[in-house]
Amino acid sequence: MLDKIKNRRSHFTREFNGEIAPKSLLQDMLNSSIWAPSHKLTLPFRFSVVEPNSREKIKNIILDNYLQNNSNPDPKKIEKIEWIQTKVSHVICIIFKPSGIVPEWEEVASLGAAIQNMYLILNEQSDFGGYWTTGNGMNSPVLRSFLKLKSTEIHYGYFFIGGIDNKRTIANRPQPSVNWL
């Protein structure tokens, strides 16, 4: 299992090739999320999946939001946003829904573990990769409206899924910082 964890990688949208992921892969990823540790089984997250036929709509929302909030837009950022429509297969919108039953930090940790589970399922695929991003107008009013969020829910970013030609597995990490007492 440690090898699976060590080989998990993010793949950025510039690496995506436009291939559409099978719905079964997305379903397996989403099903894996509920196995994250969750105090009192609050499962403080839900997902909205933007399918290939809706990519243009979310790309336009993100692009319009970016242009409205930046007086000097970066052409490279605009290009990255355009890739949502041309290179990304699916966009999983990550929605945090704190329960109020347990400390919120525990539920944020649960959400992170759920995303890690999704990454581990995705990493088993040789031809698809993903990237969790918290930019692109996350939780903006227009995205909250598009996602039909309740007042208690928070948009915690996107998990972009895309076909990839060259899967990376190697990375260097330091040793863990541990005090043995």
Protein backbone atom coordinates (compact mmCIF):
# COMPACT_ATOMS: atom_id res chain seq x y z
CA MET A 1 0.00 0.00 0.00
CA LEU A 2 2.85 2.40 0.75
CA ASP A 3 3.96 2.13 -2.90
CA LYS A 4 0.49 3.23 -4.05
CA ILE A 5 0.65 6.22 -1.74
CA LYS A 6 4.22 7.09 -2.76
CA ASN A 7 3.34 6.88 -6.47
CA ARG A 8 0.27 9.12 -6.27
CA ARG A 9 0.81 12.24 -8.35
CA SER A 10 -1.06 15.31 -9.44
CA HIS A 11 -1.17 15.88 -13.18
CA PHE A 12 -1.81 19.42 -14.33
CA THR A 13 -4.24 20.47 -17.04
CA ARG A 14 -1.36 21.26 -19.42
CA GLU A 15 -0.56 17.51 -19.34
CA PHE A 16 -4.11 16.46 -20.26
CA ASN A 17 -4.78 15.25 -23.81
CA GLY A 18 -8.56 15.76 -24.08
CA GLU A 19 -9.50 12.08 -23.76
CA ILE A 20 -12.80 11.53 -21.94
CA ALA A 21 -12.69 9.36 -18.81
CA PRO A 22 -15.19 6.53 -18.50
CA LYS A 23 -18.06 7.28 -16.14
CA SER A 24 -17.21 4.08 -14.21
CA LEU A 25 -13.85 5.62 -13.24
CA LEU A 26 -15.56 8.74 -11.89
CA GLN A 27 -18.07 6.59 -10.00
CA ASP A 28 -15.28 4.50 -8.43
CA MET A 29 -13.50 7.69 -7.36
CA LEU A 30 -16.65 9.13 -5.82
CA ASN A 31 -17.49 5.83 -4.10
CA SER A 32 -14.01 5.74 -2.55
CA SER A 33 -14.60 9.12 -0.88
CA ILE A 34 -17.07 7.78 1.66
CA TRP A 35 -14.39 5.49 3.11
CA ALA A 36 -12.40 8.43 4.45
CA PRO A 37 -12.23 8.70 8.24
CA SER A 38 -15.28 10.66 9.36
CA HIS A 39 -16.00 11.26 13.05
CA LYS A 40 -19.61 10.20 13.73
CA LEU A 41 -19.87 9.43 9.98
CA THR A 42 -20.84 13.01 9.17
CA LEU A 43 -19.28 12.65 5.68
CA PRO A 44 -18.93 16.45 5.44
CA PHE A 45 -18.63 16.64 1.67
CA ARG A 46 -20.53 16.18 -1.53
CA PHE A 47 -19.62 16.55 -5.17
CA SER A 48 -21.07 18.03 -8.33
CA VAL A 49 -19.62 16.49 -11.48
CA VAL A 50 -19.36 18.65 -14.57
CA GLU A 51 -19.57 16.26 -17.50
CA PRO A 52 -17.91 16.85 -20.87
CA ASN A 53 -21.01 18.45 -22.41
CA SER A 54 -21.05 21.11 -19.63
CA ARG A 55 -17.34 22.01 -19.64
CA GLU A 56 -17.90 25.13 -21.74
CA LYS A 57 -20.40 26.48 -19.22
CA ILE A 58 -18.11 26.12 -16.20
CA LYS A 59 -15.13 27.36 -18.23
CA ASN A 60 -17.10 30.50 -19.13
CA ILE A 61 -18.15 31.06 -15.51
CA ILE A 62 -14.55 30.73 -14.29
CA LEU A 63 -13.20 32.90 -17.12
CA ASP A 64 -15.81 35.65 -16.63
CA ASN A 65 -15.14 35.66 -12.89
CA TYR A 66 -11.38 35.92 -13.50
CA LEU A 67 -11.73 38.77 -16.02
CA GLN A 68 -14.11 40.70 -13.73
CA ASN A 69 -11.72 40.46 -10.79
CA ASN A 70 -8.43 41.19 -12.57
CA SER A 71 -7.77 44.55 -14.20
CA ASN A 72 -4.61 43.19 -15.85
CA PRO A 73 -5.45 39.58 -16.81
CA ASP A 74 -2.57 37.20 -17.36
CA PRO A 75 -2.73 35.56 -20.83
CA LYS A 76 -1.19 32.36 -19.40
CA LYS A 77 -3.96 32.15 -16.79
CA ILE A 78 -6.58 32.68 -19.50
CA GLU A 79 -5.00 29.86 -21.53
CA LYS A 80 -5.15 27.54 -18.49
CA ILE A 81 -8.83 28.35 -18.01
CA GLU A 82 -9.51 27.66 -21.71
CA TRP A 83 -7.99 24.19 -21.26
CA ILE A 84 -10.99 23.26 -19.08
CA GLN A 85 -13.06 23.02 -22.24
CA THR A 86 -10.46 21.43 -24.51
CA LYS A 87 -8.23 19.24 -22.33
CA VAL A 88 -10.19 18.37 -19.18
CA SER A 89 -12.50 15.35 -19.23
CA HIS A 90 -14.56 16.04 -16.10
CA VAL A 91 -14.57 18.63 -13.35
CA ILE A 92 -15.52 17.39 -9.90
CA CYS A 93 -16.63 20.38 -7.83
CA ILE A 94 -15.78 19.70 -4.19
CA ILE A 95 -18.36 20.93 -1.70
CA PHE A 96 -17.70 21.06 2.03
CA LYS A 97 -20.77 20.76 4.22
CA PRO A 98 -19.86 21.09 7.90
CA SER A 99 -22.28 19.25 10.17
CA GLY A 100 -21.91 21.29 13.34
CA ILE A 101 -21.81 17.95 15.19
CA VAL A 102 -18.03 17.57 15.47
CA PRO A 103 -15.21 20.15 15.35
CA GLU A 104 -14.94 21.67 11.88
CA TRP A 105 -11.20 20.95 11.64
CA GLU A 106 -12.00 17.22 11.87
CA GLU A 107 -14.39 17.54 8.96
CA VAL A 108 -11.85 19.46 6.86
CA ALA A 109 -9.40 16.62 7.57
CA SER A 110 -12.07 14.11 6.49
CA LEU A 111 -12.58 16.00 3.24
CA GLY A 112 -8.84 15.90 2.55
CA ALA A 113 -8.78 12.15 3.21
CA ALA A 114 -11.74 11.70 0.84
CA ILE A 115 -9.84 13.50 -1.92
CA GLN A 116 -6.76 11.36 -1.23
CA ASN A 117 -8.92 8.24 -1.64
CA MET A 118 -10.15 9.60 -4.98
CA TYR A 119 -6.55 10.28 -6.04
CA LEU A 120 -5.55 6.71 -5.13
CA ILE A 121 -8.32 5.24 -7.31
CA LEU A 122 -7.39 7.56 -10.18
CA ASN A 123 -3.72 6.70 -9.82
CA GLU A 124 -4.50 3.06 -10.68
CA GLN A 125 -5.25 4.24 -14.23
CA SER A 126 -2.29 4.43 -16.57
CA ASP A 127 -3.99 6.85 -18.94
CA PHE A 128 -5.82 9.31 -16.66
CA GLY A 129 -4.65 11.78 -14.07
CA GLY A 130 -6.06 14.51 -11.92
CA TYR A 131 -5.42 17.74 -10.13
CA TRP A 132 -7.13 19.31 -7.09
CA THR A 133 -7.09 23.08 -7.39
CA THR A 134 -8.48 25.66 -5.00
CA GLY A 135 -8.25 28.63 -7.33
CA ASN A 136 -10.43 29.67 -10.26
CA GLY A 137 -13.03 31.68 -8.37
CA MET A 138 -13.63 28.97 -5.79
CA ASN A 139 -16.75 29.70 -3.73
CA SER A 140 -17.49 32.92 -5.66
CA PRO A 141 -21.15 34.00 -5.77
CA VAL A 142 -21.54 32.95 -9.41
CA LEU A 143 -20.09 29.49 -8.74
CA ARG A 144 -22.19 29.11 -5.60
CA SER A 145 -25.24 29.83 -7.74
CA PHE A 146 -24.13 27.44 -10.53
CA LEU A 147 -23.57 24.67 -7.96
CA LYS A 148 -26.82 25.47 -6.12
CA LEU A 149 -25.04 25.61 -2.76
CA LYS A 150 -26.91 25.93 0.51
CA SER A 151 -25.86 28.82 2.75
CA THR A 152 -23.99 26.37 5.01
CA GLU A 153 -21.99 24.77 2.17
CA ILE A 154 -18.60 25.93 0.89
CA HIS A 155 -17.10 25.29 -2.53
CA TYR A 156 -13.63 23.86 -1.73
CA GLY A 157 -12.26 23.74 -5.25
CA TYR A 158 -12.15 21.46 -8.24
CA PHE A 159 -10.73 18.06 -9.02
CA PHE A 160 -9.87 18.14 -12.72
CA ILE A 161 -9.71 14.74 -14.45
CA GLY A 162 -8.06 14.24 -17.82
CA GLY A 163 -6.44 11.76 -20.13
CA ILE A 164 -2.65 11.75 -19.94
CA ASP A 165 0.02 10.32 -22.19
CA ASN A 166 2.90 10.16 -19.68
CA LYS A 167 2.07 9.24 -16.11
CA ARG A 168 4.62 10.48 -13.59
CA THR A 169 5.31 8.32 -10.54
CA ILE A 170 8.66 9.52 -9.20
CA ALA A 171 9.01 12.30 -6.66
CA ASN A 172 11.42 13.18 -3.90
CA ARG A 173 10.16 13.79 -0.40
CA PRO A 174 12.07 14.44 2.80
CA GLN A 175 11.95 12.06 5.72
CA PRO A 176 9.04 12.72 8.07
CA SER A 177 9.69 15.06 10.98
CA VAL A 178 9.26 12.88 14.07
CA ASN A 179 10.15 13.16 17.73
CA TRP A 180 10.21 9.75 19.37
CA LEU A 181 9.37 10.24 23.04
